[in-house]
PDB file of all heavy atoms in Angstrom:
ATOM      1  N   ASP A   1      10.908  -2.459  -0.334  1.00  0.00           N
ATOM      2  CA  ASP A   1      10.357  -1.224   0.081  1.00  0.00           C
ATOM      3  C   ASP A   1       9.109  -1.285   0.957  1.00  0.00           C
ATOM      4  O   ASP A   1       8.642  -0.300   1.442  1.00  0.00           O
ATOM      5  CB  ASP A   1      10.058  -0.270  -1.069  1.00  0.00           C
ATOM      6  CG  ASP A   1      11.325   0.089  -1.851  1.00  0.00           C
ATOM      7  OD1 ASP A   1      12.368   0.159  -1.161  1.00  0.00           O
ATOM      8  OD2 ASP A   1      11.307   0.264  -3.080  1.00  0.00           O
ATOM      9  N   LEU A   2       8.609  -2.519   1.108  1.00  0.00           N
ATOM     10  CA  LEU A   2       7.416  -2.718   1.927  1.00  0.00           C
ATOM     11  C   LEU A   2       7.713  -2.621   3.385  1.00  0.00           C
ATOM     12  O   LEU A   2       8.716  -3.184   3.846  1.00  0.00           O
ATOM     13  CB  LEU A   2       6.819  -4.050   1.584  1.00  0.00           C
ATOM     14  CG  LEU A   2       6.110  -4.232   0.263  1.00  0.00           C
ATOM     15  CD1 LEU A   2       5.676  -5.661  -0.016  1.00  0.00           C
ATOM     16  CD2 LEU A   2       4.962  -3.265   0.071  1.00  0.00           C
ATOM     17  N   THR A   3       6.859  -1.960   4.130  1.00  0.00           N
ATOM     18  CA  THR A   3       7.020  -1.789   5.556  1.00  0.00           C
ATOM     19  C   THR A   3       5.872  -2.482   6.238  1.00  0.00           C
ATOM     20  O   THR A   3       4.920  -2.932   5.616  1.00  0.00           O
ATOM     21  CB  THR A   3       7.095  -0.354   6.014  1.00  0.00           C
ATOM     22  OG1 THR A   3       5.846   0.261   5.674  1.00  0.00           O
ATOM     23  CG2 THR A   3       8.247   0.399   5.266  1.00  0.00           C
ATOM     24  N   ILE A   4       5.863  -2.464   7.610  1.00  0.00           N
ATOM     25  CA  ILE A   4       4.768  -3.069   8.352  1.00  0.00           C
ATOM     26  C   ILE A   4       3.525  -2.338   8.106  1.00  0.00           C
ATOM     27  O   ILE A   4       2.434  -2.868   7.880  1.00  0.00           O
ATOM     28  CB  ILE A   4       5.144  -3.074   9.831  1.00  0.00           C
ATOM     29  CG1 ILE A   4       6.315  -3.942  10.095  1.00  0.00           C
ATOM     30  CG2 ILE A   4       3.959  -3.474  10.703  1.00  0.00           C
ATOM     31  CD1 ILE A   4       6.835  -3.933  11.492  1.00  0.00           C
ATOM     32  N   GLU A   5       3.577  -0.975   7.965  1.00  0.00           N
ATOM     33  CA  GLU A   5       2.388  -0.163   7.758  1.00  0.00           C
ATOM     34  C   GLU A   5       1.845  -0.357   6.379  1.00  0.00           C
ATOM     35  O   GLU A   5       0.625  -0.326   6.128  1.00  0.00           O
ATOM     36  CB  GLU A   5       2.754   1.305   8.011  1.00  0.00           C
ATOM     37  CG  GLU A   5       2.990   1.601   9.480  1.00  0.00           C
ATOM     38  CD  GLU A   5       3.250   3.087   9.709  1.00  0.00           C
ATOM     39  OE1 GLU A   5       3.403   3.785   8.703  1.00  0.00           O
ATOM     40  OE2 GLU A   5       3.430   3.487  10.881  1.00  0.00           O
ATOM     41  N   ASP A   6       2.730  -0.642   5.417  1.00  0.00           N
ATOM     42  CA  ASP A   6       2.275  -0.831   4.046  1.00  0.00           C
ATOM     43  C   ASP A   6       1.509  -2.118   3.803  1.00  0.00           C
ATOM     44  O   ASP A   6       0.517  -2.181   3.199  1.00  0.00           O
ATOM     45  CB  ASP A   6       3.481  -0.783   3.004  1.00  0.00           C
ATOM     46  CG  ASP A   6       4.128   0.605   3.039  1.00  0.00           C
ATOM     47  OD1 ASP A   6       3.446   1.603   3.251  1.00  0.00           O
ATOM     48  OD2 ASP A   6       5.353   0.642   2.723  1.00  0.00           O
ATOM     49  N   TRP A   7       2.068  -3.207   4.432  1.00  0.00           N
ATOM     50  CA  TRP A   7       1.530  -4.512   4.125  1.00  0.00           C
ATOM     51  C   TRP A   7       0.856  -5.162   5.319  1.00  0.00           C
ATOM     52  O   TRP A   7       0.048  -6.069   5.208  1.00  0.00           O
ATOM     53  CB  TRP A   7       2.694  -5.427   3.571  1.00  0.00           C
ATOM     54  CG  TRP A   7       2.198  -6.595   2.793  1.00  0.00           C
ATOM     55  CD1 TRP A   7       0.925  -6.818   2.326  1.00  0.00           C
ATOM     56  CD2 TRP A   7       2.921  -7.697   2.475  1.00  0.00           C
ATOM     57  NE1 TRP A   7       0.853  -7.975   1.667  1.00  0.00           N
ATOM     58  CE2 TRP A   7       2.109  -8.603   1.709  1.00  0.00           C
ATOM     59  CE3 TRP A   7       4.281  -8.130   2.715  1.00  0.00           C
ATOM     60  CZ2 TRP A   7       2.512  -9.903   1.163  1.00  0.00           C
ATOM     61  CZ3 TRP A   7       4.672  -9.317   2.119  1.00  0.00           C
ATOM     62  CH2 TRP A   7       3.777 -10.156   1.436  1.00  0.00           C
ATOM     63  N   GLY A   8       1.182  -4.671   6.514  1.00  0.00           N
ATOM     64  CA  GLY A   8       0.619  -5.248   7.705  1.00  0.00           C
ATOM     65  C   GLY A   8       1.395  -6.398   8.228  1.00  0.00           C
ATOM     66  O   GLY A   8       1.961  -7.230   7.454  1.00  0.00           O
ATOM     67  N   TRP A   9       1.518  -6.548   9.497  1.00  0.00           N
ATOM     68  CA  TRP A   9       2.371  -7.567  10.115  1.00  0.00           C
ATOM     69  C   TRP A   9       1.799  -8.963   9.903  1.00  0.00           C
ATOM     70  O   TRP A   9       2.508  -9.877   9.768  1.00  0.00           O
ATOM     71  CB  TRP A   9       2.487  -7.298  11.633  1.00  0.00           C
ATOM     72  CG  TRP A   9       1.254  -7.478  12.415  1.00  0.00           C
ATOM     73  CD1 TRP A   9       0.365  -6.491  12.753  1.00  0.00           C
ATOM     74  CD2 TRP A   9       0.704  -8.661  12.915  1.00  0.00           C
ATOM     75  NE1 TRP A   9      -0.666  -7.039  13.465  1.00  0.00           N
ATOM     76  CE2 TRP A   9      -0.539  -8.390  13.587  1.00  0.00           C
ATOM     77  CE3 TRP A   9       1.132 -10.052  12.916  1.00  0.00           C
ATOM     78  CZ2 TRP A   9      -1.347  -9.294  14.174  1.00  0.00           C
ATOM     79  CZ3 TRP A   9       0.273 -10.940  13.497  1.00  0.00           C
ATOM     80  CH2 TRP A   9      -0.908 -10.645  14.096  1.00  0.00           C
ATOM     81  N   GLU A  10       0.434  -9.095   9.798  1.00  0.00           N
ATOM     82  CA  GLU A  10      -0.215 -10.374   9.703  1.00  0.00           C
ATOM     83  C   GLU A  10      -0.015 -11.012   8.328  1.00  0.00           C
ATOM     84  O   GLU A  10      -0.262 -12.175   8.139  1.00  0.00           O
ATOM     85  CB  GLU A  10      -1.691 -10.308  10.071  1.00  0.00           C
ATOM     86  CG  GLU A  10      -2.571  -9.568   9.103  1.00  0.00           C
ATOM     87  CD  GLU A  10      -2.490  -8.084   9.225  1.00  0.00           C
ATOM     88  OE1 GLU A  10      -1.769  -7.587  10.052  1.00  0.00           O
ATOM     89  OE2 GLU A  10      -3.271  -7.408   8.472  1.00  0.00           O
ATOM     90  N   ARG A  11       0.425 -10.228   7.308  1.00  0.00           N
ATOM     91  CA  ARG A  11       0.536 -10.707   5.946  1.00  0.00           C
ATOM     92  C   ARG A  11       1.976 -11.144   5.633  1.00  0.00           C
ATOM     93  O   ARG A  11       2.257 -11.361   4.439  1.00  0.00           O
ATOM     94  CB  ARG A  11       0.032  -9.685   4.986  1.00  0.00           C
ATOM     95  CG  ARG A  11      -1.447  -9.374   5.030  1.00  0.00           C
ATOM     96  CD  ARG A  11      -1.859  -8.540   3.842  1.00  0.00           C
ATOM     97  NE  ARG A  11      -3.284  -8.328   3.894  1.00  0.00           N
ATOM     98  CZ  ARG A  11      -3.874  -7.126   3.920  1.00  0.00           C
ATOM     99  NH1 ARG A  11      -3.129  -6.058   4.080  1.00  0.00           N
ATOM    100  NH2 ARG A  11      -5.176  -6.980   3.941  1.00  0.00           N
ATOM    101  N   GLN A  12       2.862 -11.142   6.570  1.00  0.00           N
ATOM    102  CA  GLN A  12       4.247 -11.336   6.280  1.00  0.00           C
ATOM    103  C   GLN A  12       4.792 -12.575   7.068  1.00  0.00           C
ATOM    104  O   GLN A  12       4.195 -12.949   8.152  1.00  0.00           O
ATOM    105  CB  GLN A  12       5.101 -10.125   6.607  1.00  0.00           C
ATOM    106  CG  GLN A  12       4.630  -8.887   5.862  1.00  0.00           C
ATOM    107  CD  GLN A  12       5.476  -7.682   6.181  1.00  0.00           C
ATOM    108  OE1 GLN A  12       6.715  -7.753   6.051  1.00  0.00           O
ATOM    109  NE2 GLN A  12       4.903  -6.543   6.486  1.00  0.00           N
ATOM    110  N   HIS A  13       5.823 -13.167   6.568  1.00  0.00           N
ATOM    111  CA  HIS A  13       6.523 -14.238   7.298  1.00  0.00           C
ATOM    112  C   HIS A  13       7.624 -13.674   8.148  1.00  0.00           C
ATOM    113  O   HIS A  13       8.489 -12.920   7.617  1.00  0.00           O
ATOM    114  CB  HIS A  13       7.140 -15.284   6.305  1.00  0.00           C
ATOM    115  CG  HIS A  13       6.204 -16.272   5.974  1.00  0.00           C
ATOM    116  ND1 HIS A  13       6.391 -17.175   4.883  1.00  0.00           N
ATOM    117  CD2 HIS A  13       4.966 -16.716   6.522  1.00  0.00           C
ATOM    118  CE1 HIS A  13       5.430 -18.061   4.785  1.00  0.00           C
ATOM    119  NE2 HIS A  13       4.546 -17.746   5.741  1.00  0.00           N
ATOM    120  N   TRP A  14       7.579 -13.906   9.414  1.00  0.00           N
ATOM    121  CA  TRP A  14       8.549 -13.302  10.331  1.00  0.00           C
ATOM    122  C   TRP A  14       9.538 -14.317  10.956  1.00  0.00           C
ATOM    123  O   TRP A  14       9.135 -15.471  11.120  1.00  0.00           O
ATOM    124  CB  TRP A  14       7.802 -12.611  11.461  1.00  0.00           C
ATOM    125  CG  TRP A  14       6.912 -11.501  11.032  1.00  0.00           C
ATOM    126  CD1 TRP A  14       5.573 -11.555  10.761  1.00  0.00           C
ATOM    127  CD2 TRP A  14       7.315 -10.132  10.795  1.00  0.00           C
ATOM    128  NE1 TRP A  14       5.099 -10.318  10.368  1.00  0.00           N
ATOM    129  CE2 TRP A  14       6.137  -9.475  10.323  1.00  0.00           C
ATOM    130  CE3 TRP A  14       8.521  -9.449  10.784  1.00  0.00           C
ATOM    131  CZ2 TRP A  14       6.129  -8.141   9.998  1.00  0.00           C
ATOM    132  CZ3 TRP A  14       8.501  -8.127  10.438  1.00  0.00           C
ATOM    133  CH2 TRP A  14       7.381  -7.476  10.005  1.00  0.00           C
ATOM    134  N   HIS A  15      10.732 -13.867  11.138  1.00  0.00           N
ATOM    135  CA  HIS A  15      11.787 -14.740  11.757  1.00  0.00           C
ATOM    136  C   HIS A  15      12.320 -14.052  13.004  1.00  0.00           C
ATOM    137  O   HIS A  15      12.680 -12.880  12.911  1.00  0.00           O
ATOM    138  CB  HIS A  15      12.957 -14.962  10.729  1.00  0.00           C
ATOM    139  CG  HIS A  15      12.451 -15.523   9.466  1.00  0.00           C
ATOM    140  ND1 HIS A  15      12.002 -16.773   9.257  1.00  0.00           N
ATOM    141  CD2 HIS A  15      12.242 -14.931   8.261  1.00  0.00           C
ATOM    142  CE1 HIS A  15      11.683 -16.990   7.995  1.00  0.00           C
ATOM    143  NE2 HIS A  15      11.723 -15.828   7.336  1.00  0.00           N
ATOM    144  N   THR A  16      12.387 -14.773  14.045  1.00  0.00           N
ATOM    145  CA  THR A  16      12.832 -14.175  15.326  1.00  0.00           C
ATOM    146  C   THR A  16      14.335 -14.025  15.293  1.00  0.00           C
ATOM    147  O   THR A  16      15.057 -14.936  14.888  1.00  0.00           O
ATOM    148  CB  THR A  16      12.399 -15.080  16.527  1.00  0.00           C
ATOM    149  OG1 THR A  16      11.053 -15.155  16.549  1.00  0.00           O
ATOM    150  CG2 THR A  16      12.910 -14.503  17.783  1.00  0.00           C
ATOM    151  N   PHE A  17      14.920 -12.863  15.737  1.00  0.00           N
ATOM    152  CA  PHE A  17      16.342 -12.624  15.801  1.00  0.00           C
ATOM    153  C   PHE A  17      16.730 -12.304  17.218  1.00  0.00           C
ATOM    154  O   PHE A  17      17.937 -12.282  17.488  1.00  0.00           O
ATOM    155  CB  PHE A  17      16.817 -11.613  14.846  1.00  0.00           C
ATOM    156  CG  PHE A  17      16.319 -10.235  15.071  1.00  0.00           C
ATOM    157  CD1 PHE A  17      17.026  -9.370  15.892  1.00  0.00           C
ATOM    158  CD2 PHE A  17      15.128  -9.826  14.509  1.00  0.00           C
ATOM    159  CE1 PHE A  17      16.624  -8.053  16.123  1.00  0.00           C
ATOM    160  CE2 PHE A  17      14.678  -8.482  14.720  1.00  0.00           C
ATOM    161  CZ  PHE A  17      15.347  -7.688  15.468  1.00  0.00           C
ATOM    162  N   ALA A  18      15.839 -11.997  18.141  1.00  0.00           N
ATOM    163  CA  ALA A  18      16.198 -11.692  19.483  1.00  0.00           C
ATOM    164  C   ALA A  18      14.981 -11.791  20.330  1.00  0.00           C
ATOM    165  O   ALA A  18      13.802 -11.696  19.909  1.00  0.00           O
ATOM    166  CB  ALA A  18      16.757 -10.230  19.591  1.00  0.00           C
ATOM    167  N   SER A  19      15.164 -12.051  21.647  1.00  0.00           N
ATOM    168  CA  SER A  19      14.055 -12.092  22.592  1.00  0.00           C
ATOM    169  C   SER A  19      14.577 -11.782  23.979  1.00  0.00           C
ATOM    170  O   SER A  19      15.753 -11.946  24.334  1.00  0.00           O
ATOM    171  CB  SER A  19      13.422 -13.542  22.577  1.00  0.00           C
ATOM    172  OG  SER A  19      12.396 -13.668  23.471  1.00  0.00           O
ATOM    173  N   GLY A  20      13.621 -11.298  24.851  1.00  0.00           N
ATOM    174  CA  GLY A  20      13.958 -11.008  26.217  1.00  0.00           C
ATOM    175  C   GLY A  20      12.757 -10.621  27.040  1.00  0.00           C
ATOM    176  O   GLY A  20      11.684 -10.905  26.674  1.00  0.00           O
ATOM    177  N   ILE A  21      13.056 -10.040  28.113  1.00  0.00           N
ATOM    178  CA  ILE A  21      11.992  -9.567  29.076  1.00  0.00           C
ATOM    179  C   ILE A  21      12.440  -8.223  29.646  1.00  0.00           C
ATOM    180  O   ILE A  21      13.599  -7.993  29.968  1.00  0.00           O
ATOM    181  CB  ILE A  21      11.755 -10.579  30.191  1.00  0.00           C
ATOM    182  CG1 ILE A  21      10.621 -10.135  31.089  1.00  0.00           C
ATOM    183  CG2 ILE A  21      13.068 -10.838  31.001  1.00  0.00           C
ATOM    184  CD1 ILE A  21      10.225 -11.192  32.128  1.00  0.00           C
ATOM    185  N   GLU A  22      11.487  -7.312  29.657  1.00  0.00           N
ATOM    186  CA  GLU A  22      11.641  -5.987  30.322  1.00  0.00           C
ATOM    187  C   GLU A  22      10.692  -5.838  31.477  1.00  0.00           C
ATOM    188  O   GLU A  22       9.569  -6.382  31.453  1.00  0.00           O
ATOM    189  CB  GLU A  22      11.396  -4.928  29.269  1.00  0.00           C
ATOM    190  CG  GLU A  22      12.251  -4.963  28.054  1.00  0.00           C
ATOM    191  CD  GLU A  22      13.690  -4.683  28.350  1.00  0.00           C
ATOM    192  OE1 GLU A  22      14.002  -3.707  28.997  1.00  0.00           O
ATOM    193  OE2 GLU A  22      14.549  -5.457  27.844  1.00  0.00           O
ATOM    194  N   TRP A  23      11.139  -5.210  32.540  1.00  0.00           N
ATOM    195  CA  TRP A  23      10.300  -5.110  33.739  1.00  0.00           C
ATOM    196  C   TRP A  23      10.583  -3.797  34.470  1.00  0.00           C
ATOM    197  O   TRP A  23      11.703  -3.265  34.356  1.00  0.00           O
ATOM    198  CB  TRP A  23      10.449  -6.285  34.665  1.00  0.00           C
ATOM    199  CG  TRP A  23      11.786  -6.444  35.332  1.00  0.00           C
ATOM    200  CD1 TRP A  23      12.159  -5.927  36.507  1.00  0.00           C
ATOM    201  CD2 TRP A  23      12.912  -7.094  34.789  1.00  0.00           C
ATOM    202  NE1 TRP A  23      13.479  -6.264  36.766  1.00  0.00           N
ATOM    203  CE2 TRP A  23      13.956  -7.022  35.744  1.00  0.00           C
ATOM    204  CE3 TRP A  23      13.183  -7.864  33.644  1.00  0.00           C
ATOM    205  CZ2 TRP A  23      15.262  -7.580  35.589  1.00  0.00           C
ATOM    206  CZ3 TRP A  23      14.499  -8.396  33.486  1.00  0.00           C
ATOM    207  CH2 TRP A  23      15.455  -8.293  34.443  1.00  0.00           C
ATOM    208  N   GLY A  24       9.626  -3.402  35.264  1.00  0.00           N
ATOM    209  CA  GLY A  24       9.784  -2.283  36.175  1.00  0.00           C
ATOM    210  C   GLY A  24       9.947  -2.836  37.589  1.00  0.00           C
ATOM    211  O   GLY A  24      10.652  -3.814  37.830  1.00  0.00           O
ATOM    212  N   ARG A  25       9.294  -2.166  38.492  1.00  0.00           N
ATOM    213  CA  ARG A  25       9.290  -2.659  39.884  1.00  0.00           C
ATOM    214  C   ARG A  25       7.882  -3.173  40.100  1.00  0.00           C
ATOM    215  O   ARG A  25       6.863  -2.384  40.274  1.00  0.00           O
ATOM    216  CB  ARG A  25       9.649  -1.569  40.903  1.00  0.00           C
ATOM    217  CG  ARG A  25       9.853  -2.047  42.288  1.00  0.00           C
ATOM    218  CD  ARG A  25      10.317  -0.886  43.188  1.00  0.00           C
ATOM    219  NE  ARG A  25      10.489  -1.286  44.554  1.00  0.00           N
ATOM    220  CZ  ARG A  25      11.695  -1.766  45.079  1.00  0.00           C
ATOM    221  NH1 ARG A  25      12.686  -1.914  44.256  1.00  0.00           N
ATOM    222  NH2 ARG A  25      11.763  -2.178  46.290  1.00  0.00           N
ATOM    223  N   PHE A  26       7.697  -4.523  40.228  1.00  0.00           N
ATOM    224  CA  PHE A  26       6.387  -5.125  40.280  1.00  0.00           C
ATOM    225  C   PHE A  26       6.462  -6.284  41.247  1.00  0.00           C
ATOM    226  O   PHE A  26       7.509  -6.852  41.587  1.00  0.00           O
ATOM    227  CB  PHE A  26       5.843  -5.449  38.991  1.00  0.00           C
ATOM    228  CG  PHE A  26       6.534  -6.671  38.300  1.00  0.00           C
ATOM    229  CD1 PHE A  26       5.825  -7.855  38.172  1.00  0.00           C
ATOM    230  CD2 PHE A  26       7.808  -6.610  37.850  1.00  0.00           C
ATOM    231  CE1 PHE A  26       6.453  -8.983  37.599  1.00  0.00           C
ATOM    232  CE2 PHE A  26       8.430  -7.744  37.269  1.00  0.00           C
ATOM    233  CZ  PHE A  26       7.693  -8.881  37.187  1.00  0.00           C
TER     234      PHE A  26
END
């Protein structure tokens, strides 16, 4: 039941499941 706001992102172990890049016109 713990969420990022409850425990904070820095206190958890994270595993990557996706990655990419988003862009506009630059």
